[in-house]
Amino acid sequence: MEARGDGLEGMHAVASVVLNRARNPRWWGEDIASVCLAPEQFSSWNNGSTQIPLVIDAITKNDLTYQTAYNLAEIAISGLLPDITGHADSYFRPTYATPPDWALPEYFTAQIGTQKFYRTELPPLVA
């Protein structure tokens, strides 16, 4: 639900953030499910989100966006989804939100689709 409007690449990028968080347990969760369901982390899963009923009611197995997300999820769970975000642990969509306090230029890793990606808490990558 998070990046369905950004197509395959955008959904892939959000899946990469989920995996980066799951591989580095912190307050955001210890595994894929707990990362996705952590309070206030992925707006489509927030309590009271208007997105859940809209998307869930509209999903059919013939829906191309659903098929894309499902296939990405399978690849992600299998451990075969490469990270395309520069190992980001956070992102936001500037067209919908004021930049959060953590969205500092030094943490920026990539822009993919309409989302900006950041590595805010994970240790710096060693070359």
N, C-alpha and C. Protein backbone atom coordinates (compact mmCIF):
# COMPACT_ATOMS: atom_id res chain seq x y z
N MET A 1 0.81 -1.20 0.00
CA MET A 1 0.00 0.00 0.00
C MET A 1 0.86 1.26 0.00
N GLU A 2 2.05 1.19 0.55
CA GLU A 2 2.85 2.40 0.72
C GLU A 2 3.28 3.04 -0.59
N ALA A 3 3.67 2.29 -1.56
CA ALA A 3 4.24 2.88 -2.78
C ALA A 3 3.53 2.36 -4.03
N ARG A 4 2.29 2.00 -3.90
CA ARG A 4 1.59 1.41 -5.04
C ARG A 4 1.52 2.34 -6.24
N GLY A 5 1.57 3.65 -6.01
CA GLY A 5 1.53 4.60 -7.12
C GLY A 5 2.88 4.80 -7.79
N ASP A 6 3.94 4.25 -7.22
CA ASP A 6 5.28 4.39 -7.78
C ASP A 6 5.71 3.16 -8.58
N GLY A 7 4.81 2.24 -8.81
CA GLY A 7 5.12 1.09 -9.63
C GLY A 7 6.12 0.14 -9.00
N LEU A 8 6.66 -0.73 -9.83
CA LEU A 8 7.56 -1.78 -9.37
C LEU A 8 8.76 -1.22 -8.62
N GLU A 9 9.42 -0.21 -9.17
CA GLU A 9 10.62 0.32 -8.53
C GLU A 9 10.31 0.94 -7.16
N GLY A 10 9.21 1.68 -7.06
CA GLY A 10 8.85 2.29 -5.78
C GLY A 10 8.49 1.25 -4.74
N MET A 11 7.73 0.23 -5.14
CA MET A 11 7.39 -0.83 -4.19
C MET A 11 8.63 -1.61 -3.78
N HIS A 12 9.53 -1.83 -4.73
CA HIS A 12 10.79 -2.51 -4.43
C HIS A 12 11.58 -1.71 -3.39
N ALA A 13 11.63 -0.40 -3.55
CA ALA A 13 12.38 0.45 -2.62
C ALA A 13 11.80 0.39 -1.21
N VAL A 14 10.48 0.44 -1.09
CA VAL A 14 9.86 0.36 0.24
C VAL A 14 10.12 -1.02 0.85
N ALA A 15 10.05 -2.06 0.04
CA ALA A 15 10.37 -3.40 0.55
C ALA A 15 11.80 -3.45 1.04
N SER A 16 12.71 -2.75 0.36
CA SER A 16 14.10 -2.71 0.79
C SER A 16 14.23 -2.07 2.17
N VAL A 17 13.48 -1.01 2.43
CA VAL A 17 13.51 -0.37 3.75
C VAL A 17 13.02 -1.35 4.82
N VAL A 18 11.93 -2.04 4.53
CA VAL A 18 11.41 -3.02 5.49
C VAL A 18 12.47 -4.07 5.79
N LEU A 19 13.11 -4.60 4.75
CA LEU A 19 14.15 -5.61 4.96
C LEU A 19 15.34 -5.06 5.71
N ASN A 20 15.76 -3.83 5.40
CA ASN A 20 16.88 -3.23 6.13
C ASN A 20 16.56 -3.10 7.61
N ARG A 21 15.35 -2.73 7.92
CA ARG A 21 14.95 -2.64 9.32
C ARG A 21 14.89 -4.03 9.98
N ALA A 22 14.33 -4.98 9.28
CA ALA A 22 14.22 -6.33 9.85
C ALA A 22 15.59 -6.97 10.08
N ARG A 23 16.54 -6.65 9.22
CA ARG A 23 17.90 -7.20 9.37
C ARG A 23 18.68 -6.51 10.50
N ASN A 24 18.16 -5.38 10.95
CA ASN A 24 18.83 -4.59 11.99
C ASN A 24 17.82 -4.23 13.07
N PRO A 25 17.43 -5.22 13.88
CA PRO A 25 16.36 -4.98 14.87
C PRO A 25 16.67 -3.81 15.79
N ARG A 26 15.66 -2.99 15.97
CA ARG A 26 15.70 -1.84 16.86
C ARG A 26 14.27 -1.63 17.32
N TRP A 27 13.97 -0.41 17.72
CA TRP A 27 12.63 -0.07 18.18
C TRP A 27 11.59 -0.31 17.10
N TRP A 28 11.99 -0.36 15.84
CA TRP A 28 11.04 -0.50 14.74
C TRP A 28 10.60 -1.93 14.49
N GLY A 29 11.18 -2.92 15.18
CA GLY A 29 10.75 -4.30 15.03
C GLY A 29 11.91 -5.25 14.87
N GLU A 30 11.57 -6.53 14.94
CA GLU A 30 12.59 -7.58 14.90
C GLU A 30 12.51 -8.45 13.66
N ASP A 31 11.42 -8.35 12.92
CA ASP A 31 11.22 -9.16 11.73
C ASP A 31 10.31 -8.39 10.78
N ILE A 32 10.06 -8.97 9.62
CA ILE A 32 9.28 -8.27 8.61
C ILE A 32 7.91 -7.84 9.13
N ALA A 33 7.21 -8.76 9.77
CA ALA A 33 5.85 -8.44 10.25
C ALA A 33 5.87 -7.34 11.30
N SER A 34 6.76 -7.44 12.29
CA SER A 34 6.77 -6.43 13.35
C SER A 34 7.24 -5.07 12.82
N VAL A 35 8.14 -5.06 11.84
CA VAL A 35 8.56 -3.80 11.22
C VAL A 35 7.37 -3.16 10.51
N CYS A 36 6.65 -3.94 9.73
CA CYS A 36 5.51 -3.40 8.97
C CYS A 36 4.40 -2.88 9.87
N LEU A 37 4.21 -3.54 11.00
CA LEU A 37 3.10 -3.19 11.88
C LEU A 37 3.48 -2.27 13.03
N ALA A 38 4.75 -1.82 13.09
CA ALA A 38 5.16 -0.91 14.16
C ALA A 38 4.32 0.36 14.09
N PRO A 39 3.83 0.82 15.23
CA PRO A 39 2.97 2.01 15.24
C PRO A 39 3.62 3.22 14.58
N GLU A 40 2.85 3.89 13.75
CA GLU A 40 3.23 5.15 13.11
C GLU A 40 4.44 5.05 12.19
N GLN A 41 4.76 3.87 11.68
CA GLN A 41 5.91 3.73 10.80
C GLN A 41 5.53 3.68 9.32
N PHE A 42 4.46 3.01 9.00
CA PHE A 42 3.98 2.92 7.63
C PHE A 42 2.54 3.38 7.66
N SER A 43 2.30 4.54 7.08
CA SER A 43 1.02 5.21 7.26
C SER A 43 -0.17 4.37 6.84
N SER A 44 0.00 3.51 5.87
CA SER A 44 -1.14 2.71 5.43
C SER A 44 -1.56 1.69 6.49
N TRP A 45 -0.70 1.40 7.46
CA TRP A 45 -1.04 0.46 8.53
C TRP A 45 -1.41 1.14 9.84
N ASN A 46 -1.38 2.47 9.88
CA ASN A 46 -1.72 3.18 11.11
C ASN A 46 -3.18 2.94 11.49
N ASN A 47 -3.44 2.91 12.78
CA ASN A 47 -4.83 2.81 13.24
C ASN A 47 -5.63 3.95 12.64
N GLY A 48 -6.77 3.62 12.14
CA GLY A 48 -7.64 4.63 11.55
C GLY A 48 -7.29 5.00 10.13
N SER A 49 -6.31 4.32 9.53
CA SER A 49 -5.93 4.63 8.16
C SER A 49 -7.11 4.43 7.22
N THR A 50 -7.30 5.39 6.37
CA THR A 50 -8.36 5.25 5.36
C THR A 50 -7.89 4.41 4.18
N GLN A 51 -6.61 4.13 4.11
CA GLN A 51 -6.05 3.37 3.00
C GLN A 51 -6.40 1.88 3.04
N ILE A 52 -6.42 1.32 4.25
CA ILE A 52 -6.62 -0.13 4.36
C ILE A 52 -7.93 -0.57 3.71
N PRO A 53 -9.07 0.00 4.07
CA PRO A 53 -10.30 -0.47 3.42
C PRO A 53 -10.33 -0.20 1.92
N LEU A 54 -9.78 0.94 1.49
CA LEU A 54 -9.79 1.26 0.07
C LEU A 54 -8.99 0.24 -0.73
N VAL A 55 -7.83 -0.10 -0.21
CA VAL A 55 -6.95 -1.01 -0.94
C VAL A 55 -7.43 -2.45 -0.80
N ILE A 56 -7.73 -2.87 0.40
CA ILE A 56 -8.14 -4.26 0.63
C ILE A 56 -9.41 -4.57 -0.17
N ASP A 57 -10.37 -3.67 -0.16
CA ASP A 57 -11.62 -3.91 -0.88
C ASP A 57 -11.40 -3.93 -2.40
N ALA A 58 -10.38 -3.22 -2.87
CA ALA A 58 -10.16 -3.12 -4.31
C ALA A 58 -9.27 -4.23 -4.86
N ILE A 59 -8.56 -4.94 -3.97
CA ILE A 59 -7.60 -5.94 -4.42
C ILE A 59 -8.32 -7.18 -4.96
N THR A 60 -7.86 -7.60 -6.11
CA THR A 60 -8.25 -8.89 -6.66
C THR A 60 -6.97 -9.54 -7.17
N LYS A 61 -6.99 -10.83 -7.31
CA LYS A 61 -5.79 -11.52 -7.80
C LYS A 61 -5.47 -11.15 -9.24
N ASN A 62 -6.42 -10.55 -9.95
CA ASN A 62 -6.17 -10.11 -11.32
C ASN A 62 -5.62 -8.70 -11.39
N ASP A 63 -5.52 -8.02 -10.26
CA ASP A 63 -5.01 -6.65 -10.21
C ASP A 63 -3.49 -6.66 -10.37
N LEU A 64 -2.99 -5.93 -11.37
CA LEU A 64 -1.55 -5.92 -11.66
C LEU A 64 -0.73 -5.38 -10.49
N THR A 65 -1.20 -4.34 -9.82
CA THR A 65 -0.48 -3.78 -8.67
C THR A 65 -0.39 -4.81 -7.55
N TYR A 66 -1.47 -5.50 -7.29
CA TYR A 66 -1.47 -6.55 -6.27
C TYR A 66 -0.49 -7.65 -6.65
N GLN A 67 -0.52 -8.09 -7.89
CA GLN A 67 0.39 -9.15 -8.34
C GLN A 67 1.84 -8.72 -8.19
N THR A 68 2.13 -7.48 -8.54
CA THR A 68 3.49 -6.95 -8.41
C THR A 68 3.92 -6.96 -6.95
N ALA A 69 3.08 -6.44 -6.07
CA ALA A 69 3.40 -6.40 -4.64
C ALA A 69 3.57 -7.80 -4.07
N TYR A 70 2.70 -8.70 -4.46
CA TYR A 70 2.76 -10.08 -3.97
C TYR A 70 4.08 -10.74 -4.41
N ASN A 71 4.43 -10.57 -5.68
CA ASN A 71 5.67 -11.16 -6.19
C ASN A 71 6.89 -10.56 -5.50
N LEU A 72 6.89 -9.24 -5.30
CA LEU A 72 8.00 -8.60 -4.57
C LEU A 72 8.10 -9.13 -3.15
N ALA A 73 6.97 -9.30 -2.50
CA ALA A 73 6.97 -9.83 -1.13
C ALA A 73 7.57 -11.24 -1.09
N GLU A 74 7.21 -12.05 -2.05
CA GLU A 74 7.77 -13.41 -2.09
C GLU A 74 9.29 -13.37 -2.26
N ILE A 75 9.76 -12.51 -3.16
CA ILE A 75 11.21 -12.39 -3.38
C ILE A 75 11.89 -11.84 -2.13
N ALA A 76 11.28 -10.85 -1.50
CA ALA A 76 11.84 -10.27 -0.28
C ALA A 76 11.93 -11.30 0.83
N ILE A 77 10.88 -12.05 1.05
CA ILE A 77 10.86 -13.06 2.11
C ILE A 77 11.90 -14.14 1.85
N SER A 78 12.13 -14.44 0.58
CA SER A 78 13.12 -15.47 0.23
C SER A 78 14.56 -14.99 0.43
N GLY A 79 14.73 -13.69 0.64
CA GLY A 79 16.06 -13.13 0.83
C GLY A 79 16.78 -12.78 -0.47
N LEU A 80 16.06 -12.76 -1.57
CA LEU A 80 16.68 -12.53 -2.87
C LEU A 80 16.44 -11.14 -3.45
N LEU A 81 15.81 -10.25 -2.69
CA LEU A 81 15.51 -8.91 -3.20
C LEU A 81 16.71 -8.00 -2.93
N PRO A 82 17.37 -7.50 -3.99
CA PRO A 82 18.51 -6.60 -3.74
C PRO A 82 18.03 -5.25 -3.23
N ASP A 83 18.87 -4.62 -2.44
CA ASP A 83 18.54 -3.29 -1.90
C ASP A 83 18.86 -2.24 -2.96
N ILE A 84 17.88 -1.42 -3.29
CA ILE A 84 18.10 -0.36 -4.28
C ILE A 84 18.08 1.04 -3.65
N THR A 85 18.09 1.10 -2.32
CA THR A 85 17.93 2.38 -1.62
C THR A 85 19.22 2.93 -1.01
N GLY A 86 20.34 2.25 -1.18
CA GLY A 86 21.55 2.68 -0.47
C GLY A 86 21.48 2.31 0.99
N HIS A 87 20.79 1.21 1.27
CA HIS A 87 20.64 0.68 2.64
C HIS A 87 19.87 1.62 3.55
N ALA A 88 18.85 2.25 3.00
CA ALA A 88 18.03 3.19 3.77
C ALA A 88 17.19 2.46 4.82
N ASP A 89 16.92 3.17 5.91
CA ASP A 89 16.02 2.65 6.94
C ASP A 89 14.76 3.50 7.06
N SER A 90 14.68 4.57 6.29
CA SER A 90 13.55 5.49 6.39
C SER A 90 13.28 6.13 5.04
N TYR A 91 12.07 6.63 4.88
CA TYR A 91 11.71 7.35 3.67
C TYR A 91 10.47 8.18 3.93
N PHE A 92 10.23 9.12 3.04
CA PHE A 92 8.99 9.88 3.09
C PHE A 92 8.71 10.40 1.69
N ARG A 93 7.48 10.82 1.49
CA ARG A 93 7.06 11.36 0.19
C ARG A 93 6.89 12.87 0.34
N PRO A 94 7.81 13.64 -0.20
CA PRO A 94 7.78 15.09 0.01
C PRO A 94 6.52 15.77 -0.51
N THR A 95 5.86 15.20 -1.48
CA THR A 95 4.65 15.84 -2.00
C THR A 95 3.49 15.76 -1.02
N TYR A 96 3.56 14.84 -0.06
CA TYR A 96 2.48 14.66 0.90
C TYR A 96 2.83 15.08 2.32
N ALA A 97 4.10 15.33 2.57
CA ALA A 97 4.49 15.58 3.96
C ALA A 97 5.59 16.63 4.03
N THR A 98 5.58 17.37 5.12
CA THR A 98 6.69 18.24 5.45
C THR A 98 7.85 17.34 5.84
N PRO A 99 9.07 17.67 5.41
CA PRO A 99 10.19 16.79 5.77
C PRO A 99 10.27 16.56 7.28
N PRO A 100 10.39 15.31 7.69
CA PRO A 100 10.54 15.02 9.12
C PRO A 100 11.89 15.53 9.64
N ASP A 101 12.01 15.64 10.95
CA ASP A 101 13.25 16.11 11.56
C ASP A 101 14.45 15.25 11.19
N TRP A 102 14.22 13.96 10.96
CA TRP A 102 15.32 13.04 10.67
C TRP A 102 15.79 13.12 9.21
N ALA A 103 15.09 13.82 8.34
CA ALA A 103 15.41 13.86 6.91
C ALA A 103 16.51 14.89 6.64
N LEU A 104 17.68 14.63 7.17
CA LEU A 104 18.82 15.53 7.01
C LEU A 104 19.60 15.19 5.75
N PRO A 105 20.17 16.18 5.09
CA PRO A 105 20.90 15.92 3.84
C PRO A 105 21.98 14.85 3.97
N GLU A 106 22.66 14.81 5.11
CA GLU A 106 23.75 13.83 5.27
C GLU A 106 23.24 12.39 5.37
N TYR A 107 21.96 12.21 5.62
CA TYR A 107 21.38 10.86 5.70
C TYR A 107 20.73 10.42 4.39
N PHE A 108 20.61 11.32 3.43
CA PHE A 108 19.95 11.02 2.17
C PHE A 108 20.72 9.97 1.39
N THR A 109 19.99 8.97 0.85
CA THR A 109 20.64 7.92 0.06
C THR A 109 20.13 7.85 -1.37
N ALA A 110 18.85 8.15 -1.60
CA ALA A 110 18.31 7.99 -2.95
C ALA A 110 16.93 8.62 -3.06
N GLN A 111 16.56 8.98 -4.26
CA GLN A 111 15.17 9.30 -4.57
C GLN A 111 14.72 8.26 -5.58
N ILE A 112 13.64 7.59 -5.25
CA ILE A 112 13.09 6.55 -6.12
C ILE A 112 11.60 6.83 -6.24
N GLY A 113 11.18 7.09 -7.46
CA GLY A 113 9.80 7.49 -7.66
C GLY A 113 9.55 8.79 -6.94
N THR A 114 8.48 8.85 -6.18
CA THR A 114 8.15 10.07 -5.44
C THR A 114 8.69 10.07 -4.02
N GLN A 115 9.42 9.02 -3.65
CA GLN A 115 9.91 8.88 -2.27
C GLN A 115 11.39 9.26 -2.16
N LYS A 116 11.73 9.87 -1.03
CA LYS A 116 13.13 10.15 -0.69
C LYS A 116 13.54 9.18 0.41
N PHE A 117 14.73 8.58 0.27
CA PHE A 117 15.20 7.54 1.18
C PHE A 117 16.41 8.02 1.97
N TYR A 118 16.46 7.57 3.23
CA TYR A 118 17.47 8.04 4.17
C TYR A 118 17.98 6.87 5.02
N ARG A 119 19.23 6.97 5.42
CA ARG A 119 19.85 6.02 6.35
C ARG A 119 20.07 6.81 7.64
N THR A 120 19.09 6.74 8.54
CA THR A 120 19.11 7.62 9.72
C THR A 120 19.67 6.97 10.97
N GLU A 121 19.47 5.67 11.11
CA GLU A 121 19.86 5.00 12.36
C GLU A 121 20.85 3.88 12.17
N LEU A 122 20.92 3.32 11.00
CA LEU A 122 21.82 2.21 10.79
C LEU A 122 23.24 2.73 10.72
N PRO A 123 24.22 1.93 11.14
CA PRO A 123 25.61 2.39 11.12
C PRO A 123 26.04 2.75 9.70
N PRO A 124 26.99 3.67 9.58
CA PRO A 124 27.48 4.03 8.25
C PRO A 124 28.08 2.80 7.56
N LEU A 125 27.96 2.77 6.25
CA LEU A 125 28.54 1.68 5.48
C LEU A 125 30.04 1.88 5.41
N VAL A 126 30.79 0.81 5.56
CA VAL A 126 32.24 0.87 5.47
C VAL A 126 32.64 0.45 4.07
N ALA A 127 33.44 1.27 3.42
CA ALA A 127 33.83 0.98 2.04
C ALA A 127 34.86 -0.12 1.98
